[in-house]
């Protein structure tokens, strides 16, 4: 029975091949196998970047375009507008002489009907770079203004353990003078002042006040630590303090009701004091200056004539 079934299947398969011829290509047509006619290349190994020791990386600096001799500034329409109404972004920002800018601030006040005694501010943008990778550290400075604009004097506390120096400080205008016993009262906010001065011997006993006073804590760099108490009091009672934040100085220099010459001389004094914190041979310290009043727009001003000039190299 098994043999007869096998023979029957063999006969049927032969009959099928005669009535339905099947080619070898049709047998593989349904599979559609991809055919690759090239050899796969091995992926090249990435070369490791070896940094050479002692070789400094070259930093690409932005190319500065000198367009002073061009008929118009690079990327702008013209050097100056021909009409009173124009798009500001199409023209370079005007830079005024200092006396002209001060006169404009006074005219703005009259046109706007604002207060005559409003403060006048100056904003200085600084170049803090020194030799190689060094920079000028942000600093706090106290200076004399030729024409003070404050009507009241600053409150000053003097730390000293010498009774004679304490009496001398009170005679020269100190608000309070004393030793380490003042620390607890200052921490409890029983005593507040604008400035705190100290003799060198007592500074270590004042360390608990460091977080409380922060930038007002006595330091020799700021001139608030020394032995000449009368001289320090004369500076800090009537002096003007400004702070460098990041790369900028923004401080009041006068009030708008002061004479123009007084405002100009105060601005000149502040610029010279700021510029003194960087050697002139390393380039200008002040890059840009803007003055304004409380209610006016900012005006860019020329400060080249106000700063100490770089010495000529022989």
C-alpha atoms as a PDB file:
ATOM      1  CA  UNK A   1       0.000   0.000   0.000  1.00  0.00           C
ATOM      2  CA  UNK A   2       2.771   2.388   0.861  1.00  0.00           C
ATOM      3  CA  UNK A   3       4.648   1.483  -2.293  1.00  0.00           C
ATOM      4  CA  UNK A   4       1.573   2.108  -4.457  1.00  0.00           C
ATOM      5  CA  UNK A   5       1.025   5.558  -2.893  1.00  0.00           C
ATOM      6  CA  UNK A   6       4.635   6.578  -3.551  1.00  0.00           C
ATOM      7  CA  UNK A   7       4.431   5.495  -7.177  1.00  0.00           C
ATOM      8  CA  UNK A   8       1.168   7.449  -7.584  1.00  0.00           C
ATOM      9  CA  UNK A   9       2.755  10.627  -6.284  1.00  0.00           C
ATOM     10  CA  UNK A  10       5.712  10.190  -8.637  1.00  0.00           C
ATOM     11  CA  UNK A  11       3.400   9.868 -11.615  1.00  0.00           C
ATOM     12  CA  UNK A  12       1.378  12.935 -10.653  1.00  0.00           C
ATOM     13  CA  UNK A  13       4.517  15.070 -10.259  1.00  0.00           C
ATOM     14  CA  UNK A  14       5.711  14.059 -13.724  1.00  0.00           C
ATOM     15  CA  UNK A  15       2.334  14.868 -15.229  1.00  0.00           C
ATOM     16  CA  UNK A  16       2.411  18.293 -13.602  1.00  0.00           C
ATOM     17  CA  UNK A  17       5.852  19.044 -15.016  1.00  0.00           C
ATOM     18  CA  UNK A  18       4.645  18.188 -18.506  1.00  0.00           C
ATOM     19  CA  UNK A  19       1.447  20.295 -18.421  1.00  0.00           C
ATOM     20  CA  UNK A  20       2.909  23.192 -16.370  1.00  0.00           C
ATOM     21  CA  UNK A  21       6.552  23.663 -17.247  1.00  0.00           C
ATOM     22  CA  UNK A  22       8.381  25.655 -14.556  1.00  0.00           C
ATOM     23  CA  UNK A  23      11.640  27.432 -15.313  1.00  0.00           C
ATOM     24  CA  UNK A  24      14.412  27.915 -12.807  1.00  0.00           C
ATOM     25  CA  UNK A  25      14.001  31.697 -13.011  1.00  0.00           C
ATOM     26  CA  UNK A  26      10.349  31.533 -11.976  1.00  0.00           C
ATOM     27  CA  UNK A  27      11.248  29.515  -8.938  1.00  0.00           C
ATOM     28  CA  UNK A  28      13.404  32.327  -7.594  1.00  0.00           C
ATOM     29  CA  UNK A  29      11.284  35.213  -8.894  1.00  0.00           C
ATOM     30  CA  UNK A  30       9.177  35.461  -5.748  1.00  0.00           C
ATOM     31  CA  UNK A  31      12.174  35.828  -3.483  1.00  0.00           C
ATOM     32  CA  UNK A  32      13.701  39.062  -4.956  1.00  0.00           C
ATOM     33  CA  UNK A  33      17.013  38.610  -3.221  1.00  0.00           C
ATOM     34  CA  UNK A  34      19.326  41.658  -3.329  1.00  0.00           C
ATOM     35  CA  UNK A  35      22.376  41.219  -5.478  1.00  0.00           C
ATOM     36  CA  UNK A  36      25.558  43.066  -4.519  1.00  0.00           C
ATOM     37  CA  UNK A  37      28.068  43.471  -7.306  1.00  0.00           C
ATOM     38  CA  UNK A  38      30.811  44.983  -5.154  1.00  0.00           C
ATOM     39  CA  UNK A  39      32.855  44.016  -2.133  1.00  0.00           C
ATOM     40  CA  UNK A  40      32.164  45.714   1.224  1.00  0.00           C
ATOM     41  CA  UNK A  41      35.054  47.886   2.303  1.00  0.00           C
ATOM     42  CA  UNK A  42      36.126  47.901   5.911  1.00  0.00           C
ATOM     43  CA  UNK A  43      35.379  51.170   7.805  1.00  0.00           C
ATOM     44  CA  UNK A  44      38.624  53.031   8.334  1.00  0.00           C
ATOM     45  CA  UNK A  45      39.554  53.500  11.953  1.00  0.00           C
ATOM     46  CA  UNK A  46      39.340  57.101  13.177  1.00  0.00           C
ATOM     47  CA  UNK A  47      42.671  58.618  13.962  1.00  0.00           C
ATOM     48  CA  UNK A  48      42.962  59.730  17.524  1.00  0.00           C
ATOM     49  CA  UNK A  49      43.616  63.424  17.894  1.00  0.00           C
ATOM     50  CA  UNK A  50      46.750  63.829  19.874  1.00  0.00           C
ATOM     51  CA  UNK A  51      47.152  67.189  21.531  1.00  0.00           C
ATOM     52  CA  UNK A  52      50.714  68.330  21.431  1.00  0.00           C
ATOM     53  CA  UNK A  53      51.959  69.415  24.826  1.00  0.00           C
ATOM     54  CA  UNK A  54      53.099  72.979  25.109  1.00  0.00           C
ATOM     55  CA  UNK A  55      51.267  74.060  21.960  1.00  0.00           C
ATOM     56  CA  UNK A  56      48.782  76.831  22.673  1.00  0.00           C
ATOM     57  CA  UNK A  57      45.381  76.780  21.004  1.00  0.00           C
ATOM     58  CA  UNK A  58      44.951  79.525  18.460  1.00  0.00           C
ATOM     59  CA  UNK A  59      41.796  81.528  19.201  1.00  0.00           C
ATOM     60  CA  UNK A  60      40.201  83.136  16.189  1.00  0.00           C
ATOM     61  CA  UNK A  61      39.589  86.785  16.900  1.00  0.00           C
ATOM     62  CA  UNK A  62      36.808  88.739  15.280  1.00  0.00           C
ATOM     63  CA  UNK A  63      38.079  90.789  12.399  1.00  0.00           C
ATOM     64  CA  UNK A  64      37.592  94.455  13.110  1.00  0.00           C
ATOM     65  CA  UNK A  65      36.550  96.399  10.055  1.00  0.00           C
ATOM     66  CA  UNK A  66      38.124  99.841   9.819  1.00  0.00           C
ATOM     67  CA  UNK A  67      35.574 101.841   7.845  1.00  0.00           C
ATOM     68  CA  UNK A  68      36.784 105.333   8.678  1.00  0.00           C
ATOM     69  CA  UNK A  69      37.891 105.966   5.091  1.00  0.00           C
ATOM     70  CA  UNK A  70      34.713 104.567   3.516  1.00  0.00           C
ATOM     71  CA  UNK A  71      31.971 106.743   2.087  1.00  0.00           C
ATOM     72  CA  UNK A  72      29.562 105.080   4.533  1.00  0.00           C
ATOM     73  CA  UNK A  73      29.872 102.782   7.578  1.00  0.00           C
ATOM     74  CA  UNK A  74      29.945  99.058   6.977  1.00  0.00           C
ATOM     75  CA  UNK A  75      26.398  97.663   7.014  1.00  0.00           C
ATOM     76  CA  UNK A  76      24.707 101.056   7.496  1.00  0.00           C
ATOM     77  CA  UNK A  77      23.101 103.616   5.218  1.00  0.00           C
ATOM     78  CA  UNK A  78      25.285 106.683   5.786  1.00  0.00           C
ATOM     79  CA  UNK A  79      27.435 108.423   8.353  1.00  0.00           C
ATOM     80  CA  UNK A  80      24.674 110.853   9.323  1.00  0.00           C
ATOM     81  CA  UNK A  81      20.961 111.225   8.456  1.00  0.00           C
ATOM     82  CA  UNK A  82      19.858 114.016   6.127  1.00  0.00           C
ATOM     83  CA  UNK A  83      16.423 114.417   7.699  1.00  0.00           C
ATOM     84  CA  UNK A  84      15.093 114.959  11.220  1.00  0.00           C
ATOM     85  CA  UNK A  85      13.048 111.736  11.085  1.00  0.00           C
ATOM     86  CA  UNK A  86      14.971 108.532  10.385  1.00  0.00           C
ATOM     87  CA  UNK A  87      15.436 104.927  11.504  1.00  0.00           C
ATOM     88  CA  UNK A  88      18.094 104.865  14.206  1.00  0.00           C
ATOM     89  CA  UNK A  89      19.289 101.358  13.350  1.00  0.00           C
ATOM     90  CA  UNK A  90      20.432 102.476   9.858  1.00  0.00           C
ATOM     91  CA  UNK A  91      22.945 105.050  11.147  1.00  0.00           C
ATOM     92  CA  UNK A  92      25.860 104.931  13.616  1.00  0.00           C
ATOM     93  CA  UNK A  93      25.126 106.099  17.139  1.00  0.00           C
ATOM     94  CA  UNK A  94      26.285 109.704  17.603  1.00  0.00           C
ATOM     95  CA  UNK A  95      29.127 110.420  20.011  1.00  0.00           C
ATOM     96  CA  UNK A  96      29.047 113.885  21.592  1.00  0.00           C
ATOM     97  CA  UNK A  97      31.619 116.119  23.155  1.00  0.00           C
ATOM     98  CA  UNK A  98      31.204 116.223  26.934  1.00  0.00           C
ATOM     99  CA  UNK A  99      30.117 119.906  27.180  1.00  0.00           C
ATOM    100  CA  UNK A 100      27.592 119.387  24.359  1.00  0.00           C
ATOM    101  CA  UNK A 101      26.119 116.298  26.075  1.00  0.00           C
ATOM    102  CA  UNK A 102      25.750 118.140  29.400  1.00  0.00           C
ATOM    103  CA  UNK A 103      23.946 120.996  27.640  1.00  0.00           C
ATOM    104  CA  UNK A 104      21.615 118.469  25.953  1.00  0.00           C
ATOM    105  CA  UNK A 105      20.710 116.939  29.336  1.00  0.00           C
ATOM    106  CA  UNK A 106      19.746 120.365  30.643  1.00  0.00           C
ATOM    107  CA  UNK A 107      17.604 120.991  27.540  1.00  0.00           C
ATOM    108  CA  UNK A 108      15.878 117.612  27.957  1.00  0.00           C
ATOM    109  CA  UNK A 109      14.886 118.609  31.497  1.00  0.00           C
ATOM    110  CA  UNK A 110      13.303 121.855  30.304  1.00  0.00           C
ATOM    111  CA  UNK A 111      11.386 120.156  27.495  1.00  0.00           C
ATOM    112  CA  UNK A 112      10.114 117.352  29.738  1.00  0.00           C
ATOM    113  CA  UNK A 113       9.232 119.614  32.710  1.00  0.00           C
ATOM    114  CA  UNK A 114      11.021 117.306  35.131  1.00  0.00           C
ATOM    115  CA  UNK A 115      12.837 118.093  38.380  1.00  0.00           C
ATOM    116  CA  UNK A 116      15.845 120.381  38.067  1.00  0.00           C
ATOM    117  CA  UNK A 117      17.798 118.697  40.868  1.00  0.00           C
ATOM    118  CA  UNK A 118      17.574 115.178  39.441  1.00  0.00           C
ATOM    119  CA  UNK A 119      20.802 113.123  39.559  1.00  0.00           C
ATOM    120  CA  UNK A 120      23.254 112.831  36.678  1.00  0.00           C
ATOM    121  CA  UNK A 121      24.813 109.390  36.126  1.00  0.00           C
ATOM    122  CA  UNK A 122      27.766 108.116  34.163  1.00  0.00           C
ATOM    123  CA  UNK A 123      28.153 104.549  32.903  1.00  0.00           C
ATOM    124  CA  UNK A 124      31.664 103.383  32.030  1.00  0.00           C
ATOM    125  CA  UNK A 125      32.443 100.170  30.144  1.00  0.00           C
ATOM    126  CA  UNK A 126      35.904  98.846  31.077  1.00  0.00           C
ATOM    127  CA  UNK A 127      38.522  96.648  29.437  1.00  0.00           C
ATOM    128  CA  UNK A 128      39.669  94.456  32.338  1.00  0.00           C
ATOM    129  CA  UNK A 129      42.383  92.549  30.410  1.00  0.00           C
ATOM    130  CA  UNK A 130      46.000  92.712  31.554  1.00  0.00           C
ATOM    131  CA  UNK A 131      49.119  90.890  30.377  1.00  0.00           C
ATOM    132  CA  UNK A 132      48.616  87.304  29.177  1.00  0.00           C
ATOM    133  CA  UNK A 133      45.499  85.844  30.814  1.00  0.00           C
ATOM    134  CA  UNK A 134      45.389  88.146  33.848  1.00  0.00           C
ATOM    135  CA  UNK A 135      42.534  90.555  34.512  1.00  0.00           C
ATOM    136  CA  UNK A 136      41.846  93.504  36.751  1.00  0.00           C
ATOM    137  CA  UNK A 137      39.836  92.371  39.750  1.00  0.00           C
ATOM    138  CA  UNK A 138      36.539  94.216  40.371  1.00  0.00           C
ATOM    139  CA  UNK A 139      37.166  96.897  42.972  1.00  0.00           C
ATOM    140  CA  UNK A 140      35.530  99.513  45.178  1.00  0.00           C
ATOM    141  CA  UNK A 141      37.037 102.997  45.363  1.00  0.00           C
ATOM    142  CA  UNK A 142      36.364 106.104  47.436  1.00  0.00           C
ATOM    143  CA  UNK A 143      37.521 109.469  46.095  1.00  0.00           C
ATOM    144  CA  UNK A 144      37.136 113.204  46.523  1.00  0.00           C
ATOM    145  CA  UNK A 145      34.819 115.012  44.137  1.00  0.00           C
ATOM    146  CA  UNK A 146      35.802 118.590  43.241  1.00  0.00           C
ATOM    147  CA  UNK A 147      32.177 119.657  43.756  1.00  0.00           C
ATOM    148  CA  UNK A 148      30.262 117.353  46.151  1.00  0.00           C
ATOM    149  CA  UNK A 149      26.554 117.054  45.425  1.00  0.00           C
ATOM    150  CA  UNK A 150      25.516 115.525  48.762  1.00  0.00           C
ATOM    151  CA  UNK A 151      24.168 117.869  51.416  1.00  0.00           C
ATOM    152  CA  UNK A 152      24.795 115.538  54.363  1.00  0.00           C
ATOM    153  CA  UNK A 153      28.004 113.771  55.415  1.00  0.00           C
ATOM    154  CA  UNK A 154      28.453 110.001  55.687  1.00  0.00           C
ATOM    155  CA  UNK A 155      28.167 108.171  58.991  1.00  0.00           C
ATOM    156  CA  UNK A 156      31.486 106.532  59.905  1.00  0.00           C
ATOM    157  CA  UNK A 157      32.278 104.021  62.665  1.00  0.00           C
ATOM    158  CA  UNK A 158      35.909 103.722  63.820  1.00  0.00           C
ATOM    159  CA  UNK A 159      37.253 100.538  65.472  1.00  0.00           C
ATOM    160  CA  UNK A 160      40.193 101.126  67.797  1.00  0.00           C
ATOM    161  CA  UNK A 161      41.308  99.854  71.208  1.00  0.00           C
ATOM    162  CA  UNK A 162      43.372 102.939  71.938  1.00  0.00           C
ATOM    163  CA  UNK A 163      41.370 105.464  74.024  1.00  0.00           C
ATOM    164  CA  UNK A 164      43.423 108.362  72.635  1.00  0.00           C
ATOM    165  CA  UNK A 165      42.688 107.333  69.048  1.00  0.00           C
ATOM    166  CA  UNK A 166      39.010 106.906  69.904  1.00  0.00           C
ATOM    167  CA  UNK A 167      38.868 110.422  71.321  1.00  0.00           C
ATOM    168  CA  UNK A 168      40.721 111.756  68.257  1.00  0.00           C
ATOM    169  CA  UNK A 169      38.243 110.012  65.966  1.00  0.00           C
ATOM    170  CA  UNK A 170      35.257 111.569  67.728  1.00  0.00           C
ATOM    171  CA  UNK A 171      36.874 115.010  67.490  1.00  0.00           C
ATOM    172  CA  UNK A 172      37.277 114.548  63.700  1.00  0.00           C
ATOM    173  CA  UNK A 173      33.649 113.658  63.060  1.00  0.00           C
ATOM    174  CA  UNK A 174      33.299 109.910  63.683  1.00  0.00           C
ATOM    175  CA  UNK A 175      29.774 108.792  64.545  1.00  0.00           C
ATOM    176  CA  UNK A 176      30.977 106.136  67.020  1.00  0.00           C
ATOM    177  CA  UNK A 177      34.455 105.011  68.051  1.00  0.00           C
ATOM    178  CA  UNK A 178      35.209 101.935  70.116  1.00  0.00           C
ATOM    179  CA  UNK A 179      36.715  98.463  70.268  1.00  0.00           C
ATOM    180  CA  UNK A 180      35.458  94.894  69.964  1.00  0.00           C
ATOM    181  CA  UNK A 181      32.472  95.693  72.208  1.00  0.00           C
ATOM    182  CA  UNK A 182      30.774  97.276  69.169  1.00  0.00           C
ATOM    183  CA  UNK A 183      30.592  93.942  67.296  1.00  0.00           C
ATOM    184  CA  UNK A 184      27.520  92.635  69.129  1.00  0.00           C
ATOM    185  CA  UNK A 185      25.682  95.937  68.734  1.00  0.00           C
ATOM    186  CA  UNK A 186      26.338  95.974  64.982  1.00  0.00           C
ATOM    187  CA  UNK A 187      25.161  92.361  64.641  1.00  0.00           C
ATOM    188  CA  UNK A 188      21.971  93.314  66.487  1.00  0.00           C
ATOM    189  CA  UNK A 189      21.437  96.317  64.146  1.00  0.00           C
ATOM    190  CA  UNK A 190      21.735  98.731  67.020  1.00  0.00           C
ATOM    191  CA  UNK A 191      24.530 100.559  65.153  1.00  0.00           C
ATOM    192  CA  UNK A 192      24.494 101.266  61.398  1.00  0.00           C
ATOM    193  CA  UNK A 193      26.821 103.432  59.320  1.00  0.00           C
ATOM    194  CA  UNK A 194      27.865 104.174  55.752  1.00  0.00           C
ATOM    195  CA  UNK A 195      31.527 103.252  56.295  1.00  0.00           C
ATOM    196  CA  UNK A 196      33.549 101.315  58.850  1.00  0.00           C
ATOM    197  CA  UNK A 197      37.208 102.137  59.561  1.00  0.00           C
ATOM    198  CA  UNK A 198      39.676 100.183  61.685  1.00  0.00           C
ATOM    199  CA  UNK A 199      43.244 100.113  62.897  1.00  0.00           C
ATOM    200  CA  UNK A 200      45.349  97.113  61.740  1.00  0.00           C
ATOM    201  CA  UNK A 201      45.606  95.593  65.246  1.00  0.00           C
ATOM    202  CA  UNK A 202      41.862  95.099  65.697  1.00  0.00           C
ATOM    203  CA  UNK A 203      40.913  93.666  62.285  1.00  0.00           C
ATOM    204  CA  UNK A 204      41.140  90.025  63.455  1.00  0.00           C
ATOM    205  CA  UNK A 205      38.597  90.695  66.216  1.00  0.00           C
ATOM    206  CA  UNK A 206      36.128  92.029  63.635  1.00  0.00           C
ATOM    207  CA  UNK A 207      35.886  88.820  61.567  1.00  0.00           C
ATOM    208  CA  UNK A 208      32.388  87.968  62.949  1.00  0.00           C
ATOM    209  CA  UNK A 209      31.169  91.092  61.088  1.00  0.00           C
ATOM    210  CA  UNK A 210      32.424  89.938  57.689  1.00  0.00           C
ATOM    211  CA  UNK A 211      29.133  88.390  56.532  1.00  0.00           C
ATOM    212  CA  UNK A 212      27.146  91.236  58.054  1.00  0.00           C
ATOM    213  CA  UNK A 213      29.074  94.137  56.533  1.00  0.00           C
ATOM    214  CA  UNK A 214      30.129  92.383  53.297  1.00  0.00           C
ATOM    215  CA  UNK A 215      31.615  95.073  51.039  1.00  0.00           C
ATOM    216  CA  UNK A 216      31.714  97.591  53.891  1.00  0.00           C
ATOM    217  CA  UNK A 217      34.051  95.406  55.958  1.00  0.00           C
ATOM    218  CA  UNK A 218      37.335  97.284  56.630  1.00  0.00           C
ATOM    219  CA  UNK A 219      40.072  96.378  54.124  1.00  0.00           C
ATOM    220  CA  UNK A 220      43.456  97.886  53.428  1.00  0.00           C
ATOM    221  CA  UNK A 221      42.844  97.785  49.648  1.00  0.00           C
ATOM    222  CA  UNK A 222      39.938 100.192  50.058  1.00  0.00           C
ATOM    223  CA  UNK A 223      41.852 102.463  52.372  1.00  0.00           C
ATOM    224  CA  UNK A 224      39.570 101.727  55.336  1.00  0.00           C
ATOM    225  CA  UNK A 225      42.336 100.144  57.427  1.00  0.00           C
ATOM    226  CA  UNK A 226      45.176 102.369  58.632  1.00  0.00           C
ATOM    227  CA  UNK A 227      46.735 104.306  61.462  1.00  0.00           C
ATOM    228  CA  UNK A 228      45.998 107.847  60.273  1.00  0.00           C
ATOM    229  CA  UNK A 229      42.452 108.135  61.606  1.00  0.00           C
ATOM    230  CA  UNK A 230      41.905 111.879  60.837  1.00  0.00           C
ATOM    231  CA  UNK A 231      42.958 111.432  57.191  1.00  0.00           C
ATOM    232  CA  UNK A 232      40.682 108.416  56.685  1.00  0.00           C
ATOM    233  CA  UNK A 233      37.765 110.218  58.304  1.00  0.00           C
ATOM    234  CA  UNK A 234      38.223 113.248  56.051  1.00  0.00           C
ATOM    235  CA  UNK A 235      37.987 110.966  52.997  1.00  0.00           C
ATOM    236  CA  UNK A 236      35.107 108.723  54.021  1.00  0.00           C
ATOM    237  CA  UNK A 237      32.899 111.390  55.621  1.00  0.00           C
ATOM    238  CA  UNK A 238      32.729 113.501  52.445  1.00  0.00           C
ATOM    239  CA  UNK A 239      34.103 111.126  49.790  1.00  0.00           C
ATOM    240  CA  UNK A 240      32.254 109.530  46.884  1.00  0.00           C
ATOM    241  CA  UNK A 241      32.241 105.735  46.509  1.00  0.00           C
ATOM    242  CA  UNK A 242      31.747 103.762  43.305  1.00  0.00           C
ATOM    243  CA  UNK A 243      31.767 100.019  42.645  1.00  0.00           C
ATOM    244  CA  UNK A 244      32.952  98.028  39.616  1.00  0.00           C
ATOM    245  CA  UNK A 245      30.366  95.360  38.825  1.00  0.00           C
ATOM    246  CA  UNK A 246      31.540  92.853  36.217  1.00  0.00           C
ATOM    247  CA  UNK A 247      33.045  95.248  33.622  1.00  0.00           C
ATOM    248  CA  UNK A 248      30.930  98.352  34.275  1.00  0.00           C
ATOM    249  CA  UNK A 249      30.828 101.363  36.581  1.00  0.00           C
ATOM    250  CA  UNK A 250      27.484 103.067  37.045  1.00  0.00           C
ATOM    251  CA  UNK A 251      27.565 105.931  39.528  1.00  0.00           C
ATOM    252  CA  UNK A 252      26.081 109.328  40.200  1.00  0.00           C
ATOM    253  CA  UNK A 253      28.436 112.245  39.535  1.00  0.00           C
ATOM    254  CA  UNK A 254      26.317 115.383  40.032  1.00  0.00           C
ATOM    255  CA  UNK A 255      22.835 116.871  40.021  1.00  0.00           C
ATOM    256  CA  UNK A 256      21.389 118.555  36.946  1.00  0.00           C
ATOM    257  CA  UNK A 257      20.949 121.936  38.634  1.00  0.00           C
ATOM    258  CA  UNK A 258      24.714 122.275  39.175  1.00  0.00           C
ATOM    259  CA  UNK A 259      26.701 124.513  36.773  1.00  0.00           C
ATOM    260  CA  UNK A 260      27.981 122.827  33.620  1.00  0.00           C
ATOM    261  CA  UNK A 261      31.599 123.348  34.647  1.00  0.00           C
ATOM    262  CA  UNK A 262      30.983 121.607  37.982  1.00  0.00           C
ATOM    263  CA  UNK A 263      29.377 118.591  36.290  1.00  0.00           C
ATOM    264  CA  UNK A 264      32.225 118.394  33.776  1.00  0.00           C
ATOM    265  CA  UNK A 265      34.927 118.517  36.477  1.00  0.00           C
ATOM    266  CA  UNK A 266      33.202 115.812  38.548  1.00  0.00           C
ATOM    267  CA  UNK A 267      32.990 113.531  35.502  1.00  0.00           C
ATOM    268  CA  UNK A 268      36.636 114.198  34.728  1.00  0.00           C
ATOM    269  CA  UNK A 269      37.659 113.315  38.301  1.00  0.00           C
ATOM    270  CA  UNK A 270      35.723 110.019  38.252  1.00  0.00           C
ATOM    271  CA  UNK A 271      37.167 108.992  34.869  1.00  0.00           C
ATOM    272  CA  UNK A 272      40.729 109.716  35.984  1.00  0.00           C
ATOM    273  CA  UNK A 273      40.282 107.761  39.222  1.00  0.00           C
ATOM    274  CA  UNK A 274      38.876 104.746  37.367  1.00  0.00           C
ATOM    275  CA  UNK A 275      41.651 104.859  34.751  1.00  0.00           C
ATOM    276  CA  UNK A 276      44.316 104.892  37.485  1.00  0.00           C
ATOM    277  CA  UNK A 277      43.571 101.239  38.330  1.00  0.00           C
ATOM    278  CA  UNK A 278      45.177  99.970  35.105  1.00  0.00           C
ATOM    279  CA  UNK A 279      48.619 100.873  33.670  1.00  0.00           C
ATOM    280  CA  UNK A 280      48.330 103.163  30.657  1.00  0.00           C
ATOM    281  CA  UNK A 281      50.896 101.172  28.643  1.00  0.00           C
ATOM    282  CA  UNK A 282      48.442  98.228  28.526  1.00  0.00           C
ATOM    283  CA  UNK A 283      45.880 100.225  26.581  1.00  0.00           C
ATOM    284  CA  UNK A 284      42.863 102.319  27.546  1.00  0.00           C
ATOM    285  CA  UNK A 285      40.905 101.111  30.571  1.00  0.00           C
ATOM    286  CA  UNK A 286      37.645 102.905  29.703  1.00  0.00           C
ATOM    287  CA  UNK A 287      36.213 101.692  26.402  1.00  0.00           C
ATOM    288  CA  UNK A 288      32.887 103.524  26.333  1.00  0.00           C
ATOM    289  CA  UNK A 289      31.141 106.227  28.370  1.00  0.00           C
ATOM    290  CA  UNK A 290      27.447 107.151  28.556  1.00  0.00           C
ATOM    291  CA  UNK A 291      25.914 109.957  30.613  1.00  0.00           C
ATOM    292  CA  UNK A 292      22.247 110.490  31.421  1.00  0.00           C
ATOM    293  CA  UNK A 293      19.925 112.012  33.963  1.00  0.00           C
ATOM    294  CA  UNK A 294      17.166 110.203  35.809  1.00  0.00           C
ATOM    295  CA  UNK A 295      14.531 110.951  33.139  1.00  0.00           C
ATOM    296  CA  UNK A 296      16.605 111.336  29.947  1.00  0.00           C
ATOM    297  CA  UNK A 297      18.050 109.002  27.364  1.00  0.00           C
ATOM    298  CA  UNK A 298      21.691 107.964  27.470  1.00  0.00           C
ATOM    299  CA  UNK A 299      24.214 109.953  25.437  1.00  0.00           C
ATOM    300  CA  UNK A 300      27.541 108.489  24.327  1.00  0.00           C
ATOM    301  CA  UNK A 301      30.386 110.908  24.965  1.00  0.00           C
ATOM    302  CA  UNK A 302      34.026 111.269  23.994  1.00  0.00           C
ATOM    303  CA  UNK A 303      36.396 110.734  26.911  1.00  0.00           C
ATOM    304  CA  UNK A 304      39.794 110.678  25.191  1.00  0.00           C
ATOM    305  CA  UNK A 305      40.604 114.184  26.425  1.00  0.00           C
ATOM    306  CA  UNK A 306      39.638 113.313  30.008  1.00  0.00           C
ATOM    307  CA  UNK A 307      41.976 110.331  30.429  1.00  0.00           C
ATOM    308  CA  UNK A 308      45.731 110.144  31.026  1.00  0.00           C
ATOM    309  CA  UNK A 309      47.528 109.634  27.729  1.00  0.00           C
ATOM    310  CA  UNK A 310      49.825 106.658  27.040  1.00  0.00           C
ATOM    311  CA  UNK A 311      53.492 107.709  27.251  1.00  0.00           C
ATOM    312  CA  UNK A 312      55.247 107.916  23.905  1.00  0.00           C
ATOM    313  CA  UNK A 313      57.840 105.192  23.294  1.00  0.00           C
ATOM    314  CA  UNK A 314      61.219 106.617  22.383  1.00  0.00           C
END
